PDB file of N, CA and C in Angstrom:
ATOM      1  N   MET A   1      -1.323  43.312   4.921  1.00  0.00           N
ATOM      2  CA  MET A   1      -0.765  44.529   5.717  1.00  0.00           C
ATOM      3  C   MET A   1       0.480  44.992   5.702  1.00  0.00           C
ATOM      4  N   LEU A   2       1.285  43.868   6.013  1.00  0.00           N
ATOM      5  CA  LEU A   2       2.554  43.888   6.461  1.00  0.00           C
ATOM      6  C   LEU A   2       3.689  43.898   4.915  1.00  0.00           C
ATOM      7  N   GLU A   3       2.808  44.112   3.739  1.00  0.00           N
ATOM      8  CA  GLU A   3       3.831  44.112   2.402  1.00  0.00           C
ATOM      9  C   GLU A   3       4.833  45.414   2.578  1.00  0.00           C
ATOM     10  N   ILE A   4       4.505  46.750   2.961  1.00  0.00           N
ATOM     11  CA  ILE A   4       5.360  47.506   2.897  1.00  0.00           C
ATOM     12  C   ILE A   4       6.548  47.267   3.955  1.00  0.00           C
ATOM     13  N   GLU A   5       6.441  46.864   5.092  1.00  0.00           N
ATOM     14  CA  GLU A   5       7.495  46.274   6.292  1.00  0.00           C
ATOM     15  C   GLU A   5       8.371  45.388   5.506  1.00  0.00           C
ATOM     16  N   ASN A   6       7.809  44.333   4.894  1.00  0.00           N
ATOM     17  CA  ASN A   6       8.467  43.370   4.719  1.00  0.00           C
ATOM     18  C   ASN A   6       9.379  43.892   3.363  1.00  0.00           C
ATOM     19  N   LYS A   7       9.101  44.425   2.524  1.00  0.00           N
ATOM     20  CA  LYS A   7       9.760  45.536   1.525  1.00  0.00           C
ATOM     21  C   LYS A   7      10.830  45.793   1.895  1.00  0.00           C
ATOM     22  N   ILE A   8      10.535  46.811   3.123  1.00  0.00           N
ATOM     23  CA  ILE A   8      11.985  47.629   3.890  1.00  0.00           C
ATOM     24  C   ILE A   8      12.779  46.750   4.442  1.00  0.00           C
ATOM     25  N   ARG A   9      12.072  45.683   5.051  1.00  0.00           N
ATOM     26  CA  ARG A   9      13.112  44.726   5.603  1.00  0.00           C
ATOM     27  C   ARG A   9      14.157  44.051   4.564  1.00  0.00           C
ATOM     28  N   GLN A  10      13.346  43.659   3.627  1.00  0.00           N
ATOM     29  CA  GLN A  10      14.061  43.121   2.359  1.00  0.00           C
ATOM     30  C   GLN A  10      15.328  43.937   1.914  1.00  0.00           C
ATOM     31  N   PHE A  11      14.928  45.182   1.495  1.00  0.00           N
ATOM     32  CA  PHE A  11      15.877  45.871   0.964  1.00  0.00           C
ATOM     33  C   PHE A  11      16.874  46.449   2.060  1.00  0.00           C
ATOM     34  N   LEU A  12      16.666  46.453   3.207  1.00  0.00           N
ATOM     35  CA  LEU A  12      17.794  46.602   4.701  1.00  0.00           C
ATOM     36  C   LEU A  12      18.723  45.454   4.343  1.00  0.00           C
ATOM     37  N   VAL A  13      18.204  44.134   4.214  1.00  0.00           N
ATOM     38  CA  VAL A  13      18.926  43.109   4.410  1.00  0.00           C
ATOM     39  C   VAL A  13      19.757  42.879   3.087  1.00  0.00           C
ATOM     40  N   GLU A  14      19.206  43.341   2.108  1.00  0.00           N
ATOM     41  CA  GLU A  14      20.054  43.266   0.726  1.00  0.00           C
ATOM     42  C   GLU A  14      21.022  44.274   0.517  1.00  0.00           C
ATOM     43  N   ASN A  15      20.916  45.509   1.292  1.00  0.00           N
ATOM     44  CA  ASN A  15      21.736  46.463   0.778  1.00  0.00           C
ATOM     45  C   ASN A  15      22.680  47.153   1.846  1.00  0.00           C
ATOM     46  N   PHE A  16      22.444  46.690   3.438  1.00  0.00           N
ATOM     47  CA  PHE A  16      23.225  47.547   3.977  1.00  0.00           C
ATOM     48  C   PHE A  16      24.240  46.196   4.779  1.00  0.00           C
ATOM     49  N   VAL A  17      25.328  46.487   5.222  1.00  0.00           N
ATOM     50  CA  VAL A  17      26.336  45.372   5.885  1.00  0.00           C
ATOM     51  C   VAL A  17      26.050  44.505   6.962  1.00  0.00           C
ATOM     52  N   LEU A  18      25.066  45.078   7.951  1.00  0.00           N
ATOM     53  CA  LEU A  18      24.661  44.389   9.169  1.00  0.00           C
ATOM     54  C   LEU A  18      23.507  43.710   8.697  1.00  0.00           C
ATOM     55  N   SER A  19      23.135  42.941   7.585  1.00  0.00           N
ATOM     56  CA  SER A  19      22.115  42.326   7.369  1.00  0.00           C
ATOM     57  C   SER A  19      21.212  41.219   8.347  1.00  0.00           C
ATOM     58  N   GLU A  20      22.611  40.756   8.817  1.00  0.00           N
ATOM     59  CA  GLU A  20      21.920  39.845  10.123  1.00  0.00           C
ATOM     60  C   GLU A  20      21.136  40.374  11.236  1.00  0.00           C
ATOM     61  N   GLN A  21      21.884  41.507  11.495  1.00  0.00           N
ATOM     62  CA  GLN A  21      21.366  42.431  12.474  1.00  0.00           C
ATOM     63  C   GLN A  21      19.802  42.883  12.073  1.00  0.00           C
ATOM     64  N   VAL A  22      19.547  43.569  10.928  1.00  0.00           N
ATOM     65  CA  VAL A  22      18.319  43.787  10.455  1.00  0.00           C
ATOM     66  C   VAL A  22      17.488  42.386  10.261  1.00  0.00           C
ATOM     67  N   ASP A  23      17.446  41.140  10.096  1.00  0.00           N
ATOM     68  CA  ASP A  23      16.811  40.174  10.310  1.00  0.00           C
ATOM     69  C   ASP A  23      16.274  39.944  11.408  1.00  0.00           C
ATOM     70  N   GLU A  24      16.966  40.316  12.397  1.00  0.00           N
ATOM     71  CA  GLU A  24      16.689  40.200  14.004  1.00  0.00           C
ATOM     72  C   GLU A  24      15.855  41.436  14.631  1.00  0.00           C
ATOM     73  N   MET A  25      15.862  42.515  13.920  1.00  0.00           N
ATOM     74  CA  MET A  25      15.346  43.737  14.401  1.00  0.00           C
ATOM     75  C   MET A  25      13.814  43.615  14.416  1.00  0.00           C
ATOM     76  N   GLY A  26      13.358  43.976  15.331  1.00  0.00           N
ATOM     77  CA  GLY A  26      11.755  44.384  15.643  1.00  0.00           C
ATOM     78  C   GLY A  26      11.471  45.479  14.718  1.00  0.00           C
ATOM     79  N   PHE A  27      10.247  45.455  14.337  1.00  0.00           N
ATOM     80  CA  PHE A  27       9.758  46.813  13.221  1.00  0.00           C
ATOM     81  C   PHE A  27       9.747  47.945  14.061  1.00  0.00           C
ATOM     82  N   ASP A  28       9.804  48.067  15.483  1.00  0.00           N
ATOM     83  CA  ASP A  28       9.981  49.456  16.161  1.00  0.00           C
ATOM     84  C   ASP A  28      11.370  49.874  16.419  1.00  0.00           C
ATOM     85  N   GLU A  29      12.526  48.947  16.140  1.00  0.00           N
ATOM     86  CA  GLU A  29      13.722  49.423  16.665  1.00  0.00           C
ATOM     87  C   GLU A  29      14.499  50.594  15.995  1.00  0.00           C
ATOM     88  N   SER A  30      15.063  51.582  16.337  1.00  0.00           N
ATOM     89  CA  SER A  30      15.765  52.588  15.755  1.00  0.00           C
ATOM     90  C   SER A  30      16.853  51.749  14.818  1.00  0.00           C
ATOM     91  N   PHE A  31      16.980  52.456  13.353  1.00  0.00           N
ATOM     92  CA  PHE A  31      17.829  52.273  12.469  1.00  0.00           C
ATOM     93  C   PHE A  31      19.172  52.728  13.104  1.00  0.00           C
ATOM     94  N   LEU A  32      19.310  53.928  13.565  1.00  0.00           N
ATOM     95  CA  LEU A  32      20.392  54.677  13.691  1.00  0.00           C
ATOM     96  C   LEU A  32      21.022  54.257  15.112  1.00  0.00           C
ATOM     97  N   GLU A  33      20.167  53.986  15.935  1.00  0.00           N
ATOM     98  CA  GLU A  33      20.693  53.356  17.402  1.00  0.00           C
ATOM     99  C   GLU A  33      21.306  52.245  16.925  1.00  0.00           C
ATOM    100  N   ASN A  34      20.707  51.328  16.336  1.00  0.00           N
ATOM    101  CA  ASN A  34      21.324  50.023  16.318  1.00  0.00           C
ATOM    102  C   ASN A  34      22.370  50.103  15.134  1.00  0.00           C
ATOM    103  N   GLY A  35      22.670  51.009  14.536  1.00  0.00           N
ATOM    104  CA  GLY A  35      23.992  51.462  13.635  1.00  0.00           C
ATOM    105  C   GLY A  35      23.776  50.545  12.649  1.00  0.00           C
ATOM    106  N   VAL A  36      22.132  50.487  11.998  1.00  0.00           N
ATOM    107  CA  VAL A  36      22.251  49.786  10.720  1.00  0.00           C
ATOM    108  C   VAL A  36      22.318  50.913   9.668  1.00  0.00           C
ATOM    109  N   VAL A  37      21.892  51.950   9.711  1.00  0.00           N
ATOM    110  CA  VAL A  37      21.862  53.039   8.911  1.00  0.00           C
ATOM    111  C   VAL A  37      22.595  53.979   9.336  1.00  0.00           C
ATOM    112  N   ASP A  38      23.444  55.015   8.669  1.00  0.00           N
ATOM    113  CA  ASP A  38      24.070  56.346   8.794  1.00  0.00           C
ATOM    114  C   ASP A  38      23.444  57.116   7.589  1.00  0.00           C
ATOM    115  N   SER A  39      23.908  58.179   7.627  1.00  0.00           N
ATOM    116  CA  SER A  39      23.056  59.574   6.761  1.00  0.00           C
ATOM    117  C   SER A  39      23.331  59.184   5.511  1.00  0.00           C
ATOM    118  N   THR A  40      24.081  58.402   5.024  1.00  0.00           N
ATOM    119  CA  THR A  40      24.084  58.057   3.599  1.00  0.00           C
ATOM    120  C   THR A  40      23.106  57.071   3.256  1.00  0.00           C
ATOM    121  N   GLY A  41      22.647  56.118   4.326  1.00  0.00           N
ATOM    122  CA  GLY A  41      21.653  54.803   4.126  1.00  0.00           C
ATOM    123  C   GLY A  41      20.359  55.765   4.192  1.00  0.00           C
ATOM    124  N   ILE A  42      20.343  56.585   4.835  1.00  0.00           N
ATOM    125  CA  ILE A  42      18.867  57.464   5.013  1.00  0.00           C
ATOM    126  C   ILE A  42      18.385  57.982   3.525  1.00  0.00           C
ATOM    127  N   LEU A  43      19.648  58.559   2.485  1.00  0.00           N
ATOM    128  CA  LEU A  43      19.383  58.831   1.299  1.00  0.00           C
ATOM    129  C   LEU A  43      18.885  57.628   0.316  1.00  0.00           C
ATOM    130  N   GLU A  44      19.932  56.562   0.781  1.00  0.00           N
ATOM    131  CA  GLU A  44      19.491  55.268  -0.088  1.00  0.00           C
ATOM    132  C   GLU A  44      17.956  54.889   0.272  1.00  0.00           C
ATOM    133  N   LEU A  45      17.803  55.081   1.612  1.00  0.00           N
ATOM    134  CA  LEU A  45      16.135  54.523   1.898  1.00  0.00           C
ATOM    135  C   LEU A  45      15.205  55.805   1.367  1.00  0.00           C
ATOM    136  N   VAL A  46      15.652  56.943   1.113  1.00  0.00           N
ATOM    137  CA  VAL A  46      14.865  57.755   0.275  1.00  0.00           C
ATOM    138  C   VAL A  46      14.548  57.505  -1.196  1.00  0.00           C
ATOM    139  N   PHE A  47      15.747  57.146  -1.550  1.00  0.00           N
ATOM    140  CA  PHE A  47      15.618  56.968  -3.261  1.00  0.00           C
ATOM    141  C   PHE A  47      14.677  55.343  -3.199  1.00  0.00           C
ATOM    142  N   PHE A  48      14.799  54.455  -2.312  1.00  0.00           N
ATOM    143  CA  PHE A  48      14.184  53.336  -2.464  1.00  0.00           C
ATOM    144  C   PHE A  48      12.872  53.347  -2.112  1.00  0.00           C
ATOM    145  N   ALA A  49      12.316  54.602  -1.368  1.00  0.00           N
ATOM    146  CA  ALA A  49      10.971  54.919  -0.829  1.00  0.00           C
ATOM    147  C   ALA A  49      10.277  55.269  -2.161  1.00  0.00           C
ATOM    148  N   GLU A  50      10.938  56.264  -2.619  1.00  0.00           N
ATOM    149  CA  GLU A  50      10.327  56.919  -3.909  1.00  0.00           C
ATOM    150  C   GLU A  50      10.380  55.990  -5.145  1.00  0.00           C
ATOM    151  N   ASP A  51      11.188  55.519  -5.531  1.00  0.00           N
ATOM    152  CA  ASP A  51      11.162  54.185  -6.459  1.00  0.00           C
ATOM    153  C   ASP A  51      10.285  53.149  -6.258  1.00  0.00           C
ATOM    154  N   GLN A  52      10.149  52.602  -5.060  1.00  0.00           N
ATOM    155  CA  GLN A  52       9.420  51.286  -4.963  1.00  0.00           C
ATOM    156  C   GLN A  52       7.988  51.632  -4.624  1.00  0.00           C
ATOM    157  N   PHE A  53       7.692  52.449  -4.249  1.00  0.00           N
ATOM    158  CA  PHE A  53       6.271  52.920  -3.756  1.00  0.00           C
ATOM    159  C   PHE A  53       5.488  54.201  -4.309  1.00  0.00           C
ATOM    160  N   GLY A  54       6.576  54.702  -5.313  1.00  0.00           N
ATOM    161  CA  GLY A  54       5.915  55.877  -6.078  1.00  0.00           C
ATOM    162  C   GLY A  54       5.527  57.280  -5.340  1.00  0.00           C
ATOM    163  N   ILE A  55       6.209  57.523  -4.312  1.00  0.00           N
ATOM    164  CA  ILE A  55       5.887  58.769  -3.767  1.00  0.00           C
ATOM    165  C   ILE A  55       7.286  59.669  -3.981  1.00  0.00           C
ATOM    166  N   GLN A  56       6.850  61.006  -3.991  1.00  0.00           N
ATOM    167  CA  GLN A  56       7.853  61.971  -3.941  1.00  0.00           C
ATOM    168  C   GLN A  56       8.133  62.435  -2.092  1.00  0.00           C
ATOM    169  N   ILE A  57       9.491  62.538  -2.040  1.00  0.00           N
ATOM    170  CA  ILE A  57       9.822  63.005  -0.593  1.00  0.00           C
ATOM    171  C   ILE A  57      10.596  64.253  -0.734  1.00  0.00           C
ATOM    172  N   ASP A  58      10.135  65.010   0.149  1.00  0.00           N
ATOM    173  CA  ASP A  58      10.588  66.445   0.247  1.00  0.00           C
ATOM    174  C   ASP A  58      11.793  66.281   1.139  1.00  0.00           C
ATOM    175  N   THR A  59      12.898  67.066   1.260  1.00  0.00           N
ATOM    176  CA  THR A  59      14.316  66.836   1.960  1.00  0.00           C
ATOM    177  C   THR A  59      13.457  67.491   3.398  1.00  0.00           C
ATOM    178  N   SER A  60      12.589  68.157   3.294  1.00  0.00           N
ATOM    179  CA  SER A  60      12.138  68.618   5.128  1.00  0.00           C
ATOM    180  C   SER A  60      11.390  67.295   5.676  1.00  0.00           C
ATOM    181  N   GLU A  61      11.061  66.372   4.873  1.00  0.00           N
ATOM    182  CA  GLU A  61      10.270  65.206   5.464  1.00  0.00           C
ATOM    183  C   GLU A  61      11.151  64.138   5.670  1.00  0.00           C
ATOM    184  N   VAL A  62      12.760  64.211   5.548  1.00  0.00           N
ATOM    185  CA  VAL A  62      13.387  63.344   5.716  1.00  0.00           C
ATOM    186  C   VAL A  62      13.854  63.452   7.333  1.00  0.00           C
ATOM    187  N   LEU A  63      13.235  63.004   8.277  1.00  0.00           N
ATOM    188  CA  LEU A  63      13.389  62.812   9.905  1.00  0.00           C
ATOM    189  C   LEU A  63      13.509  61.798  10.386  1.00  0.00           C
ATOM    190  N   PRO A  64      14.004  61.378  11.734  1.00  0.00           N
ATOM    191  CA  PRO A  64      13.761  60.413  12.385  1.00  0.00           C
ATOM    192  C   PRO A  64      12.322  59.768  12.596  1.00  0.00           C
ATOM    193  N   GLU A  65      11.818  60.886  12.832  1.00  0.00           N
ATOM    194  CA  GLU A  65      10.166  60.281  12.779  1.00  0.00           C
ATOM    195  C   GLU A  65       9.583  59.689  11.746  1.00  0.00           C
ATOM    196  N   ASN A  66      10.098  59.898  10.924  1.00  0.00           N
ATOM    197  CA  ASN A  66       9.753  59.460   9.497  1.00  0.00           C
ATOM    198  C   ASN A  66      10.643  57.968   8.909  1.00  0.00           C
ATOM    199  N   PHE A  67      11.822  58.376   9.173  1.00  0.00           N
ATOM    200  CA  PHE A  67      12.853  57.232   8.861  1.00  0.00           C
ATOM    201  C   PHE A  67      13.761  56.481   9.770  1.00  0.00           C
ATOM    202  N   ASP A  68      13.487  56.432  10.915  1.00  0.00           N
ATOM    203  CA  ASP A  68      13.912  55.320  11.773  1.00  0.00           C
ATOM    204  C   ASP A  68      13.788  54.214  12.312  1.00  0.00           C
ATOM    205  N   SER A  69      12.786  53.790  11.813  1.00  0.00           N
ATOM    206  CA  SER A  69      12.102  52.138  11.907  1.00  0.00           C
ATOM    207  C   SER A  69      11.395  51.814  10.924  1.00  0.00           C
ATOM    208  N   ILE A  70      11.524  50.612  10.738  1.00  0.00           N
ATOM    209  CA  ILE A  70      10.603  50.176   9.746  1.00  0.00           C
ATOM    210  C   ILE A  70       9.159  50.788   9.839  1.00  0.00           C
ATOM    211  N   ASN A  71       8.712  50.421  10.991  1.00  0.00           N
ATOM    212  CA  ASN A  71       7.158  51.027  11.111  1.00  0.00           C
ATOM    213  C   ASN A  71       7.063  52.370  10.845  1.00  0.00           C
ATOM    214  N   ARG A  72       7.965  52.910  11.332  1.00  0.00           N
ATOM    215  CA  ARG A  72       8.066  54.812  11.083  1.00  0.00           C
ATOM    216  C   ARG A  72       7.767  54.770   9.632  1.00  0.00           C
ATOM    217  N   LEU A  73       8.929  54.043   8.748  1.00  0.00           N
ATOM    218  CA  LEU A  73       9.235  54.367   7.333  1.00  0.00           C
ATOM    219  C   LEU A  73       7.656  53.758   6.642  1.00  0.00           C
ATOM    220  N   ALA A  74       7.151  52.907   7.322  1.00  0.00           N
ATOM    221  CA  ALA A  74       5.925  52.176   6.360  1.00  0.00           C
ATOM    222  C   ALA A  74       4.805  53.175   6.791  1.00  0.00           C
ATOM    223  N   ALA A  75       4.667  53.608   7.888  1.00  0.00           N
ATOM    224  CA  ALA A  75       3.551  54.547   8.158  1.00  0.00           C
ATOM    225  C   ALA A  75       3.708  55.832   7.094  1.00  0.00           C
ATOM    226  N   TYR A  76       4.950  56.304   7.355  1.00  0.00           N
ATOM    227  CA  TYR A  76       5.218  57.554   6.533  1.00  0.00           C
ATOM    228  C   TYR A  76       5.018  57.044   4.828  1.00  0.00           C
ATOM    229  N   ILE A  77       5.420  55.995   4.417  1.00  0.00           N
ATOM    230  CA  ILE A  77       4.769  55.549   3.368  1.00  0.00           C
ATOM    231  C   ILE A  77       3.539  55.352   2.630  1.00  0.00           C
ATOM    232  N   ARG A  78       2.698  54.957   3.650  1.00  0.00           N
ATOM    233  CA  ARG A  78       1.189  54.817   3.496  1.00  0.00           C
ATOM    234  C   ARG A  78       0.837  56.223   3.670  1.00  0.00           C
ATOM    235  N   HIS A  79       1.163  57.176   4.183  1.00  0.00           N
ATOM    236  CA  HIS A  79       0.527  58.569   4.537  1.00  0.00           C
ATOM    237  C   HIS A  79       0.774  59.194   3.335  1.00  0.00           C
ATOM    238  N   LYS A  80       2.091  59.152   2.803  1.00  0.00           N
ATOM    239  CA  LYS A  80       2.429  59.825   1.340  1.00  0.00           C
ATOM    240  C   LYS A  80       1.369  59.270   0.084  1.00  0.00           C
ATOM    241  N   GLN A  81       1.291  58.034   0.097  1.00  0.00           N
ATOM    242  CA  GLN A  81       0.727  57.492  -0.834  1.00  0.00           C
ATOM    243  C   GLN A  81      -1.074  57.730  -0.769  1.00  0.00           C
ATOM    244  N   ASN A  82      -1.621  58.018   0.354  1.00  0.00           N
ATOM    245  CA  ASN A  82      -2.706  58.440   0.480  1.00  0.00           C
ATOM    246  C   ASN A  82      -3.165  59.888  -0.013  1.00  0.00           C
ATOM    247  N   LEU A  83      -1.909  60.623   0.261  1.00  0.00           N
ATOM    248  CA  LEU A  83      -1.738  61.923   0.078  1.00  0.00           C
ATOM    249  C   LEU A  83      -1.851  62.382  -1.604  1.00  0.00           C
ATOM    250  N   GLN A  84      -1.388  61.385  -2.220  1.00  0.00           N
ATOM    251  CA  GLN A  84      -0.989  61.288  -3.479  1.00  0.00           C
ATOM    252  C   GLN A  84      -2.235  60.615  -4.395  1.00  0.00           C
ATOM    253  N   GLN A  85      -3.022  60.007  -3.884  1.00  0.00           N
ATOM    254  CA  GLN A  85      -4.167  59.743  -4.245  1.00  0.00           C
ATOM    255  C   GLN A  85      -5.286  60.320  -4.881  1.00  0.00           C
ATOM    256  N   PRO A  86      -5.789  60.316  -6.005  1.00  0.00           N
ATOM    257  CA  PRO A  86      -6.756  61.398  -6.835  1.00  0.00           C
ATOM    258  C   PRO A  86      -8.118  61.253  -5.937  1.00  0.00           C
ATOM    259  N   SER A  87      -8.518  62.251  -5.390  1.00  0.00           N
ATOM    260  CA  SER A  87      -9.959  62.426  -4.851  1.00  0.00           C
ATOM    261  C   SER A  87     -11.295  61.701  -5.925  1.00  0.00           C
TER     262      SER A  87
END
């Protein structure tokens, strides 16, 4: 069940300067408040999510409620995957 969360954490550890801090972060802790991700980092997360999970992200959906913690991003990805599944 934590596959998406673990992939997000691994991406953060491998791609952001504060990887030690990411390793210690809880899944609900804010990326922005903890200085892990800035506006450029959010764009990297968008490209990562689209590529890794096969979803399309509209710029209007790039909001803190979708991209500001591991759990928020994982929930958003699951939601988008469910919307994109054929009925």
